[in-house]
Amino acid sequence: MTKKWVGIAAVAVLVLGSGTLAFARFAGRGGHGGGMGMFGAWKMAQLETRLKLTPEQSKQMHDLMAAQREKMKGDFAAGRDDRQALAREIFKDNPNQAEIQKRVSAIQERHNAMLSQLVASGQEFNKTLTAEQRAEMQKIIDEQIQVGEKMREHRGQRGMRRGGPPESQPAPK
């Protein structure tokens, strides 16, 4: 994945996705705290502070997130059904390749639609930001990319301490 797409994904997740992803995690477990989860609310408060959002900007961000959350609630449930149906088909005695492709296409279409909605919402919110706020957002994006890279590096090192990646292990006899 190129840095450009990592950055776009980071913005989408950071600006709009943190609450919806936390919501999905909490909703799947019975949820609490108004469905947003403490992490999502904390991230949004942090973003509001760092960007020094006006009350109007904060309201717009929260309104966009609320609409996004409601839309994604149904998308997550439908996506779960698609993934379960795909798994069932893959592990049949005689899997139907056309049915597998149909399920894969449905999942890809749903992901594309969700990403398009995140981008559209992000662009809508971006219109309200000042040049200084956009510059700060670029710093936040860079920081999120660095955090992600450190996490991947840490996971890789942890794997090496356990004997390395599976491909480096001798094949079982």
N, C-alpha and C. Protein backbone atom coordinates (compact mmCIF):
# COMPACT_ATOMS: atom_id res chain seq x y z
N MET A 1 0.85 -1.17 0.00
CA MET A 1 0.00 0.00 0.00
C MET A 1 0.90 1.23 0.00
N THR A 2 0.62 2.16 -0.88
CA THR A 2 1.45 3.35 -0.97
C THR A 2 1.17 4.27 0.22
N LYS A 3 2.13 5.15 0.49
CA LYS A 3 1.97 6.09 1.60
C LYS A 3 0.75 6.98 1.39
N LYS A 4 0.46 7.32 0.11
CA LYS A 4 -0.71 8.14 -0.18
C LYS A 4 -1.98 7.46 0.31
N TRP A 5 -2.14 6.19 -0.02
CA TRP A 5 -3.35 5.47 0.40
C TRP A 5 -3.35 5.23 1.89
N VAL A 6 -2.19 5.01 2.48
CA VAL A 6 -2.12 4.87 3.94
C VAL A 6 -2.59 6.17 4.58
N GLY A 7 -2.16 7.29 4.03
CA GLY A 7 -2.57 8.58 4.56
C GLY A 7 -4.07 8.81 4.42
N ILE A 8 -4.62 8.47 3.26
CA ILE A 8 -6.06 8.62 3.05
C ILE A 8 -6.82 7.75 4.03
N ALA A 9 -6.39 6.51 4.18
CA ALA A 9 -7.05 5.60 5.11
C ALA A 9 -6.92 6.11 6.53
N ALA A 10 -5.75 6.65 6.87
CA ALA A 10 -5.53 7.16 8.23
C ALA A 10 -6.47 8.32 8.52
N VAL A 11 -6.63 9.22 7.57
CA VAL A 11 -7.54 10.34 7.76
C VAL A 11 -8.97 9.84 7.93
N ALA A 12 -9.37 8.95 7.05
CA ALA A 12 -10.74 8.45 7.12
C ALA A 12 -11.00 7.79 8.46
N VAL A 13 -10.08 6.97 8.89
CA VAL A 13 -10.26 6.29 10.17
C VAL A 13 -10.17 7.27 11.32
N LEU A 14 -9.19 8.16 11.27
CA LEU A 14 -8.99 9.09 12.37
C LEU A 14 -10.16 10.05 12.52
N VAL A 15 -10.56 10.67 11.42
CA VAL A 15 -11.59 11.69 11.48
C VAL A 15 -12.97 11.09 11.70
N LEU A 16 -13.28 10.04 10.98
CA LEU A 16 -14.64 9.52 11.03
C LEU A 16 -14.74 8.10 11.56
N GLY A 17 -13.70 7.35 11.39
CA GLY A 17 -13.79 5.94 11.72
C GLY A 17 -13.55 5.57 13.15
N SER A 18 -12.84 6.38 13.91
CA SER A 18 -12.51 5.96 15.27
C SER A 18 -13.77 5.69 16.07
N GLY A 19 -14.73 6.54 15.97
CA GLY A 19 -15.98 6.32 16.69
C GLY A 19 -16.78 5.17 16.12
N THR A 20 -16.83 5.05 14.80
CA THR A 20 -17.63 3.99 14.20
C THR A 20 -16.99 2.63 14.42
N LEU A 21 -15.67 2.56 14.37
CA LEU A 21 -15.02 1.28 14.62
C LEU A 21 -15.16 0.87 16.07
N ALA A 22 -15.00 1.83 16.96
CA ALA A 22 -15.21 1.52 18.38
C ALA A 22 -16.67 1.12 18.61
N PHE A 23 -17.57 1.81 17.94
CA PHE A 23 -18.97 1.47 18.05
C PHE A 23 -19.22 0.04 17.59
N ALA A 24 -18.66 -0.33 16.47
CA ALA A 24 -18.87 -1.69 15.95
C ALA A 24 -18.34 -2.72 16.94
N ARG A 25 -17.18 -2.46 17.52
CA ARG A 25 -16.59 -3.39 18.48
C ARG A 25 -17.48 -3.51 19.71
N PHE A 26 -17.96 -2.36 20.23
CA PHE A 26 -18.78 -2.38 21.43
C PHE A 26 -20.17 -2.92 21.13
N ALA A 27 -20.74 -2.57 19.99
CA ALA A 27 -22.09 -3.03 19.66
C ALA A 27 -22.11 -4.55 19.51
N GLY A 28 -21.04 -5.11 18.99
CA GLY A 28 -20.97 -6.56 18.83
C GLY A 28 -20.91 -7.29 20.16
N ARG A 29 -20.53 -6.58 21.23
CA ARG A 29 -20.44 -7.19 22.56
C ARG A 29 -21.55 -6.72 23.48
N GLY A 30 -22.53 -6.07 22.94
CA GLY A 30 -23.60 -5.58 23.80
C GLY A 30 -23.50 -4.09 24.04
N GLY A 31 -22.33 -3.51 23.84
CA GLY A 31 -22.10 -2.07 23.89
C GLY A 31 -22.52 -1.36 25.17
N HIS A 32 -22.04 -0.17 25.31
CA HIS A 32 -22.42 0.73 26.39
C HIS A 32 -21.89 2.12 26.05
N GLY A 33 -22.23 3.09 26.84
CA GLY A 33 -21.71 4.44 26.62
C GLY A 33 -22.25 5.10 25.37
N GLY A 34 -23.53 4.85 25.05
CA GLY A 34 -24.11 5.50 23.89
C GLY A 34 -23.62 4.90 22.58
N GLY A 35 -23.01 3.73 22.62
CA GLY A 35 -22.60 3.04 21.41
C GLY A 35 -21.26 3.47 20.86
N MET A 36 -20.66 4.53 21.39
CA MET A 36 -19.43 5.00 20.79
C MET A 36 -18.20 4.41 21.45
N GLY A 37 -18.27 4.02 22.67
CA GLY A 37 -17.09 3.48 23.33
C GLY A 37 -16.18 4.59 23.80
N MET A 38 -15.46 4.33 24.85
CA MET A 38 -14.62 5.36 25.44
C MET A 38 -13.47 5.75 24.52
N PHE A 39 -12.89 4.81 23.81
CA PHE A 39 -11.77 5.13 22.94
C PHE A 39 -12.20 6.09 21.84
N GLY A 40 -13.34 5.83 21.22
CA GLY A 40 -13.81 6.70 20.15
C GLY A 40 -14.07 8.11 20.64
N ALA A 41 -14.72 8.24 21.78
CA ALA A 41 -15.01 9.56 22.34
C ALA A 41 -13.71 10.29 22.70
N TRP A 42 -12.77 9.54 23.27
CA TRP A 42 -11.49 10.13 23.64
C TRP A 42 -10.75 10.63 22.41
N LYS A 43 -10.71 9.82 21.34
CA LYS A 43 -10.03 10.22 20.12
C LYS A 43 -10.67 11.46 19.51
N MET A 44 -11.98 11.52 19.53
CA MET A 44 -12.65 12.68 18.95
C MET A 44 -12.37 13.93 19.78
N ALA A 45 -12.36 13.82 21.09
CA ALA A 45 -12.05 14.97 21.94
C ALA A 45 -10.61 15.43 21.69
N GLN A 46 -9.71 14.47 21.53
CA GLN A 46 -8.32 14.81 21.25
C GLN A 46 -8.20 15.55 19.91
N LEU A 47 -8.92 15.07 18.91
CA LEU A 47 -8.91 15.71 17.60
C LEU A 47 -9.48 17.13 17.69
N GLU A 48 -10.57 17.29 18.39
CA GLU A 48 -11.16 18.63 18.57
C GLU A 48 -10.17 19.59 19.21
N THR A 49 -9.45 19.10 20.22
CA THR A 49 -8.48 19.94 20.93
C THR A 49 -7.31 20.30 20.03
N ARG A 50 -6.75 19.30 19.37
CA ARG A 50 -5.56 19.56 18.53
C ARG A 50 -5.88 20.49 17.37
N LEU A 51 -7.07 20.33 16.79
CA LEU A 51 -7.43 21.18 15.65
C LEU A 51 -8.03 22.51 16.09
N LYS A 52 -8.28 22.65 17.40
CA LYS A 52 -8.90 23.87 17.92
C LYS A 52 -10.19 24.18 17.16
N LEU A 53 -11.07 23.20 17.12
CA LEU A 53 -12.32 23.34 16.38
C LEU A 53 -13.24 24.35 17.05
N THR A 54 -13.95 25.09 16.24
CA THR A 54 -14.98 25.99 16.75
C THR A 54 -16.18 25.13 17.16
N PRO A 55 -17.10 25.68 17.93
CA PRO A 55 -18.30 24.91 18.29
C PRO A 55 -19.07 24.43 17.05
N GLU A 56 -19.12 25.26 16.01
CA GLU A 56 -19.82 24.87 14.77
C GLU A 56 -19.11 23.69 14.10
N GLN A 57 -17.77 23.74 14.05
CA GLN A 57 -17.01 22.65 13.45
C GLN A 57 -17.19 21.36 14.26
N SER A 58 -17.16 21.48 15.57
CA SER A 58 -17.35 20.31 16.43
C SER A 58 -18.72 19.69 16.19
N LYS A 59 -19.75 20.55 16.10
CA LYS A 59 -21.09 20.03 15.86
C LYS A 59 -21.15 19.32 14.51
N GLN A 60 -20.55 19.92 13.49
CA GLN A 60 -20.58 19.28 12.18
C GLN A 60 -19.85 17.94 12.22
N MET A 61 -18.70 17.87 12.89
CA MET A 61 -17.96 16.63 12.98
C MET A 61 -18.80 15.57 13.69
N HIS A 62 -19.43 15.94 14.78
CA HIS A 62 -20.25 14.98 15.53
C HIS A 62 -21.47 14.55 14.70
N ASP A 63 -22.08 15.48 13.97
CA ASP A 63 -23.22 15.14 13.12
C ASP A 63 -22.81 14.18 12.01
N LEU A 64 -21.66 14.46 11.39
CA LEU A 64 -21.16 13.56 10.34
C LEU A 64 -20.89 12.17 10.90
N MET A 65 -20.29 12.12 12.08
CA MET A 65 -20.00 10.83 12.71
C MET A 65 -21.26 10.08 13.06
N ALA A 66 -22.25 10.79 13.57
CA ALA A 66 -23.50 10.13 13.94
C ALA A 66 -24.17 9.52 12.71
N ALA A 67 -24.21 10.27 11.63
CA ALA A 67 -24.79 9.75 10.38
C ALA A 67 -23.97 8.56 9.87
N GLN A 68 -22.66 8.70 9.92
CA GLN A 68 -21.77 7.63 9.46
C GLN A 68 -21.97 6.37 10.31
N ARG A 69 -22.08 6.56 11.61
CA ARG A 69 -22.24 5.43 12.52
C ARG A 69 -23.52 4.67 12.22
N GLU A 70 -24.61 5.38 11.99
CA GLU A 70 -25.88 4.71 11.69
C GLU A 70 -25.80 3.94 10.37
N LYS A 71 -25.18 4.56 9.37
CA LYS A 71 -25.04 3.88 8.08
C LYS A 71 -24.17 2.64 8.22
N MET A 72 -23.06 2.77 8.92
CA MET A 72 -22.12 1.66 9.03
C MET A 72 -22.65 0.53 9.92
N LYS A 73 -23.54 0.86 10.83
CA LYS A 73 -24.13 -0.16 11.69
C LYS A 73 -24.77 -1.26 10.83
N GLY A 74 -25.56 -0.85 9.86
CA GLY A 74 -26.18 -1.82 8.94
C GLY A 74 -25.16 -2.48 8.04
N ASP A 75 -24.16 -1.72 7.59
CA ASP A 75 -23.13 -2.28 6.72
C ASP A 75 -22.31 -3.36 7.42
N PHE A 76 -21.99 -3.14 8.70
CA PHE A 76 -21.22 -4.13 9.45
C PHE A 76 -22.02 -5.42 9.60
N ALA A 77 -23.31 -5.31 9.90
CA ALA A 77 -24.14 -6.50 10.07
C ALA A 77 -24.25 -7.25 8.75
N ALA A 78 -24.49 -6.54 7.66
CA ALA A 78 -24.59 -7.19 6.35
C ALA A 78 -23.26 -7.81 5.94
N GLY A 79 -22.17 -7.13 6.25
CA GLY A 79 -20.85 -7.65 5.92
C GLY A 79 -20.55 -8.94 6.68
N ARG A 80 -20.98 -9.00 7.92
CA ARG A 80 -20.80 -10.22 8.71
C ARG A 80 -21.55 -11.38 8.06
N ASP A 81 -22.76 -11.13 7.62
CA ASP A 81 -23.54 -12.18 6.96
C ASP A 81 -22.85 -12.65 5.67
N ASP A 82 -22.30 -11.69 4.90
CA ASP A 82 -21.58 -12.04 3.66
C ASP A 82 -20.35 -12.89 3.97
N ARG A 83 -19.58 -12.50 4.98
CA ARG A 83 -18.37 -13.26 5.33
C ARG A 83 -18.70 -14.67 5.81
N GLN A 84 -19.78 -14.79 6.58
CA GLN A 84 -20.18 -16.11 7.06
C GLN A 84 -20.63 -16.99 5.90
N ALA A 85 -21.40 -16.42 4.97
CA ALA A 85 -21.84 -17.19 3.80
C ALA A 85 -20.65 -17.59 2.94
N LEU A 86 -19.68 -16.71 2.80
CA LEU A 86 -18.47 -17.02 2.04
C LEU A 86 -17.72 -18.18 2.69
N ALA A 87 -17.53 -18.12 3.99
CA ALA A 87 -16.81 -19.19 4.70
C ALA A 87 -17.54 -20.52 4.55
N ARG A 88 -18.86 -20.49 4.67
CA ARG A 88 -19.63 -21.73 4.51
C ARG A 88 -19.43 -22.33 3.12
N GLU A 89 -19.45 -21.46 2.11
CA GLU A 89 -19.31 -21.95 0.74
C GLU A 89 -17.90 -22.49 0.49
N ILE A 90 -16.89 -21.81 0.97
CA ILE A 90 -15.51 -22.24 0.76
C ILE A 90 -15.27 -23.63 1.32
N PHE A 91 -15.85 -23.91 2.48
CA PHE A 91 -15.56 -25.16 3.16
C PHE A 91 -16.62 -26.24 2.96
N LYS A 92 -17.35 -26.17 1.87
CA LYS A 92 -18.28 -27.24 1.49
C LYS A 92 -17.48 -28.36 0.84
N ASP A 93 -18.10 -29.53 0.74
CA ASP A 93 -17.46 -30.65 0.05
C ASP A 93 -17.17 -30.30 -1.41
N ASN A 94 -18.11 -29.65 -2.05
CA ASN A 94 -17.96 -29.23 -3.44
C ASN A 94 -18.27 -27.73 -3.55
N PRO A 95 -17.30 -26.86 -3.24
CA PRO A 95 -17.59 -25.41 -3.28
C PRO A 95 -17.94 -24.96 -4.69
N ASN A 96 -18.94 -24.09 -4.76
CA ASN A 96 -19.39 -23.52 -6.03
C ASN A 96 -18.58 -22.25 -6.27
N GLN A 97 -17.69 -22.28 -7.26
CA GLN A 97 -16.81 -21.14 -7.52
C GLN A 97 -17.58 -19.88 -7.90
N ALA A 98 -18.69 -20.04 -8.61
CA ALA A 98 -19.50 -18.87 -8.97
C ALA A 98 -20.09 -18.22 -7.72
N GLU A 99 -20.54 -19.05 -6.77
CA GLU A 99 -21.10 -18.53 -5.52
C GLU A 99 -20.01 -17.85 -4.69
N ILE A 100 -18.82 -18.44 -4.67
CA ILE A 100 -17.68 -17.83 -3.94
C ILE A 100 -17.39 -16.45 -4.53
N GLN A 101 -17.30 -16.38 -5.86
CA GLN A 101 -17.00 -15.10 -6.50
C GLN A 101 -18.11 -14.09 -6.24
N LYS A 102 -19.35 -14.54 -6.23
CA LYS A 102 -20.49 -13.66 -5.94
C LYS A 102 -20.35 -13.08 -4.53
N ARG A 103 -19.99 -13.91 -3.56
CA ARG A 103 -19.83 -13.45 -2.18
C ARG A 103 -18.63 -12.50 -2.05
N VAL A 104 -17.53 -12.83 -2.71
CA VAL A 104 -16.35 -11.96 -2.67
C VAL A 104 -16.69 -10.60 -3.28
N SER A 105 -17.39 -10.61 -4.40
CA SER A 105 -17.77 -9.34 -5.05
C SER A 105 -18.67 -8.50 -4.14
N ALA A 106 -19.60 -9.14 -3.45
CA ALA A 106 -20.50 -8.41 -2.54
C ALA A 106 -19.70 -7.76 -1.42
N ILE A 107 -18.73 -8.50 -0.88
CA ILE A 107 -17.90 -7.95 0.19
C ILE A 107 -17.06 -6.79 -0.32
N GLN A 108 -16.46 -6.95 -1.51
CA GLN A 108 -15.66 -5.87 -2.08
C GLN A 108 -16.50 -4.63 -2.37
N GLU A 109 -17.70 -4.82 -2.89
CA GLU A 109 -18.58 -3.68 -3.17
C GLU A 109 -18.95 -2.95 -1.88
N ARG A 110 -19.23 -3.71 -0.84
CA ARG A 110 -19.58 -3.08 0.45
C ARG A 110 -18.38 -2.29 0.99
N HIS A 111 -17.19 -2.87 0.91
CA HIS A 111 -16.00 -2.16 1.38
C HIS A 111 -15.78 -0.89 0.56
N ASN A 112 -15.92 -0.99 -0.75
CA ASN A 112 -15.74 0.19 -1.60
C ASN A 112 -16.76 1.28 -1.27
N ALA A 113 -18.01 0.88 -1.02
CA ALA A 113 -19.05 1.86 -0.69
C ALA A 113 -18.74 2.52 0.65
N MET A 114 -18.29 1.73 1.63
CA MET A 114 -17.96 2.29 2.94
C MET A 114 -16.79 3.26 2.82
N LEU A 115 -15.77 2.89 2.06
CA LEU A 115 -14.62 3.78 1.88
C LEU A 115 -15.04 5.07 1.17
N SER A 116 -15.87 4.95 0.15
CA SER A 116 -16.35 6.13 -0.57
C SER A 116 -17.12 7.05 0.37
N GLN A 117 -17.93 6.48 1.24
CA GLN A 117 -18.68 7.29 2.19
C GLN A 117 -17.75 7.98 3.19
N LEU A 118 -16.73 7.25 3.67
CA LEU A 118 -15.76 7.86 4.58
C LEU A 118 -15.03 9.02 3.91
N VAL A 119 -14.64 8.83 2.65
CA VAL A 119 -13.94 9.89 1.93
C VAL A 119 -14.86 11.08 1.73
N ALA A 120 -16.10 10.85 1.32
CA ALA A 120 -17.04 11.95 1.11
C ALA A 120 -17.27 12.73 2.40
N SER A 121 -17.44 12.02 3.50
CA SER A 121 -17.65 12.70 4.79
C SER A 121 -16.41 13.49 5.19
N GLY A 122 -15.23 12.90 4.97
CA GLY A 122 -13.99 13.59 5.28
C GLY A 122 -13.83 14.85 4.45
N GLN A 123 -14.17 14.76 3.18
CA GLN A 123 -14.08 15.94 2.32
C GLN A 123 -15.07 17.01 2.74
N GLU A 124 -16.25 16.58 3.14
CA GLU A 124 -17.26 17.53 3.62
C GLU A 124 -16.74 18.27 4.86
N PHE A 125 -16.17 17.52 5.79
CA PHE A 125 -15.63 18.14 7.00
C PHE A 125 -14.44 19.02 6.67
N ASN A 126 -13.60 18.59 5.74
CA ASN A 126 -12.41 19.34 5.35
C ASN A 126 -12.77 20.74 4.85
N LYS A 127 -13.93 20.87 4.22
CA LYS A 127 -14.35 22.18 3.72
C LYS A 127 -14.50 23.21 4.84
N THR A 128 -14.75 22.74 6.06
CA THR A 128 -14.96 23.67 7.17
C THR A 128 -13.66 24.06 7.87
N LEU A 129 -12.57 23.36 7.56
CA LEU A 129 -11.30 23.62 8.25
C LEU A 129 -10.57 24.83 7.67
N THR A 130 -9.84 25.49 8.53
CA THR A 130 -8.99 26.60 8.09
C THR A 130 -7.67 26.02 7.58
N ALA A 131 -6.86 26.87 6.97
CA ALA A 131 -5.55 26.42 6.48
C ALA A 131 -4.69 25.93 7.64
N GLU A 132 -4.76 26.60 8.78
CA GLU A 132 -3.98 26.18 9.95
C GLU A 132 -4.45 24.81 10.46
N GLN A 133 -5.76 24.60 10.46
CA GLN A 133 -6.30 23.32 10.91
C GLN A 133 -5.91 22.19 9.96
N ARG A 134 -5.90 22.49 8.67
CA ARG A 134 -5.47 21.47 7.69
C ARG A 134 -3.99 21.13 7.89
N ALA A 135 -3.17 22.12 8.19
CA ALA A 135 -1.75 21.88 8.44
C ALA A 135 -1.59 20.99 9.67
N GLU A 136 -2.35 21.26 10.71
CA GLU A 136 -2.30 20.43 11.92
C GLU A 136 -2.80 19.01 11.62
N MET A 137 -3.83 18.91 10.77
CA MET A 137 -4.33 17.59 10.38
C MET A 137 -3.24 16.81 9.65
N GLN A 138 -2.46 17.48 8.83
CA GLN A 138 -1.35 16.78 8.14
C GLN A 138 -0.35 16.24 9.15
N LYS A 139 -0.08 17.01 10.20
CA LYS A 139 0.83 16.54 11.26
C LYS A 139 0.24 15.31 11.95
N ILE A 140 -1.05 15.35 12.24
CA ILE A 140 -1.73 14.22 12.89
C ILE A 140 -1.65 12.98 12.01
N ILE A 141 -1.87 13.15 10.72
CA ILE A 141 -1.80 12.03 9.78
C ILE A 141 -0.39 11.44 9.79
N ASP A 142 0.62 12.31 9.71
CA ASP A 142 2.01 11.82 9.74
C ASP A 142 2.30 11.05 11.02
N GLU A 143 1.79 11.57 12.14
CA GLU A 143 1.99 10.88 13.42
C GLU A 143 1.32 9.50 13.41
N GLN A 144 0.12 9.43 12.85
CA GLN A 144 -0.61 8.15 12.81
C GLN A 144 0.12 7.14 11.91
N ILE A 145 0.70 7.62 10.83
CA ILE A 145 1.47 6.73 9.95
C ILE A 145 2.69 6.20 10.70
N GLN A 146 3.37 7.08 11.43
CA GLN A 146 4.55 6.65 12.20
C GLN A 146 4.16 5.64 13.28
N VAL A 147 3.05 5.87 13.95
CA VAL A 147 2.58 4.92 14.98
C VAL A 147 2.31 3.57 14.34
N GLY A 148 1.65 3.57 13.19
CA GLY A 148 1.36 2.33 12.48
C GLY A 148 2.63 1.59 12.09
N GLU A 149 3.62 2.34 11.60
CA GLU A 149 4.89 1.72 11.21
C GLU A 149 5.60 1.12 12.42
N LYS A 150 5.57 1.84 13.55
CA LYS A 150 6.19 1.32 14.78
C LYS A 150 5.47 0.06 15.25
N MET A 151 4.16 0.05 15.15
CA MET A 151 3.40 -1.14 15.57
C MET A 151 3.74 -2.34 14.69
N ARG A 152 3.82 -2.12 13.38
CA ARG A 152 4.19 -3.22 12.46
C ARG A 152 5.59 -3.72 12.77
N GLU A 153 6.51 -2.79 13.04
CA GLU A 153 7.88 -3.16 13.38
C GLU A 153 7.90 -3.97 14.67
N HIS A 154 7.16 -3.52 15.66
CA HIS A 154 7.10 -4.21 16.95
C HIS A 154 6.52 -5.62 16.77
N ARG A 155 5.47 -5.74 15.98
CA ARG A 155 4.89 -7.06 15.72
C ARG A 155 5.90 -7.96 15.03
N GLY A 156 6.66 -7.41 14.10
CA GLY A 156 7.68 -8.18 13.41
C GLY A 156 8.77 -8.65 14.35
N GLN A 157 9.20 -7.77 15.25
CA GLN A 157 10.23 -8.15 16.23
C GLN A 157 9.70 -9.20 17.19
N ARG A 158 8.46 -9.07 17.58
CA ARG A 158 7.86 -10.05 18.48
C ARG A 158 7.82 -11.42 17.80
N GLY A 159 7.52 -11.43 16.51
CA GLY A 159 7.51 -12.68 15.76
C GLY A 159 8.90 -13.29 15.68
N MET A 160 9.92 -12.44 15.54
CA MET A 160 11.30 -12.94 15.47
C MET A 160 11.71 -13.57 16.79
N ARG A 161 11.27 -12.99 17.91
CA ARG A 161 11.60 -13.57 19.22
C ARG A 161 10.95 -14.93 19.39
N ARG A 162 9.86 -15.16 18.70
CA ARG A 162 9.15 -16.44 18.81
C ARG A 162 9.66 -17.44 17.78
N GLY A 163 10.67 -17.11 17.08
CA GLY A 163 11.21 -18.04 16.10
C GLY A 163 11.07 -17.60 14.67
N GLY A 164 10.62 -16.39 14.46
CA GLY A 164 10.54 -15.84 13.12
C GLY A 164 9.22 -16.15 12.45
N PRO A 165 9.07 -15.60 11.26
CA PRO A 165 7.84 -15.83 10.51
C PRO A 165 7.73 -17.29 10.12
N PRO A 166 6.50 -17.77 9.88
CA PRO A 166 6.29 -19.19 9.58
C PRO A 166 7.11 -19.69 8.40
N GLU A 167 7.36 -18.84 7.41
CA GLU A 167 8.11 -19.32 6.25
C GLU A 167 9.56 -19.64 6.59
N SER A 168 10.07 -19.12 7.72
CA SER A 168 11.44 -19.41 8.11
C SER A 168 11.55 -20.67 8.96
N GLN A 169 10.40 -21.22 9.33
CA GLN A 169 10.39 -22.43 10.15
C GLN A 169 10.55 -23.65 9.24
N PRO A 170 11.23 -24.69 9.75
CA PRO A 170 11.32 -25.90 8.95
C PRO A 170 9.96 -26.52 8.78
N ALA A 171 9.74 -27.12 7.63
CA ALA A 171 8.46 -27.75 7.33
C ALA A 171 8.28 -28.98 8.23
N PRO A 172 7.05 -29.20 8.72
CA PRO A 172 6.82 -30.39 9.53
C PRO A 172 6.99 -31.65 8.71
N LYS A 173 7.45 -32.70 9.38
CA LYS A 173 7.70 -33.97 8.67
C LYS A 173 6.48 -34.87 8.73
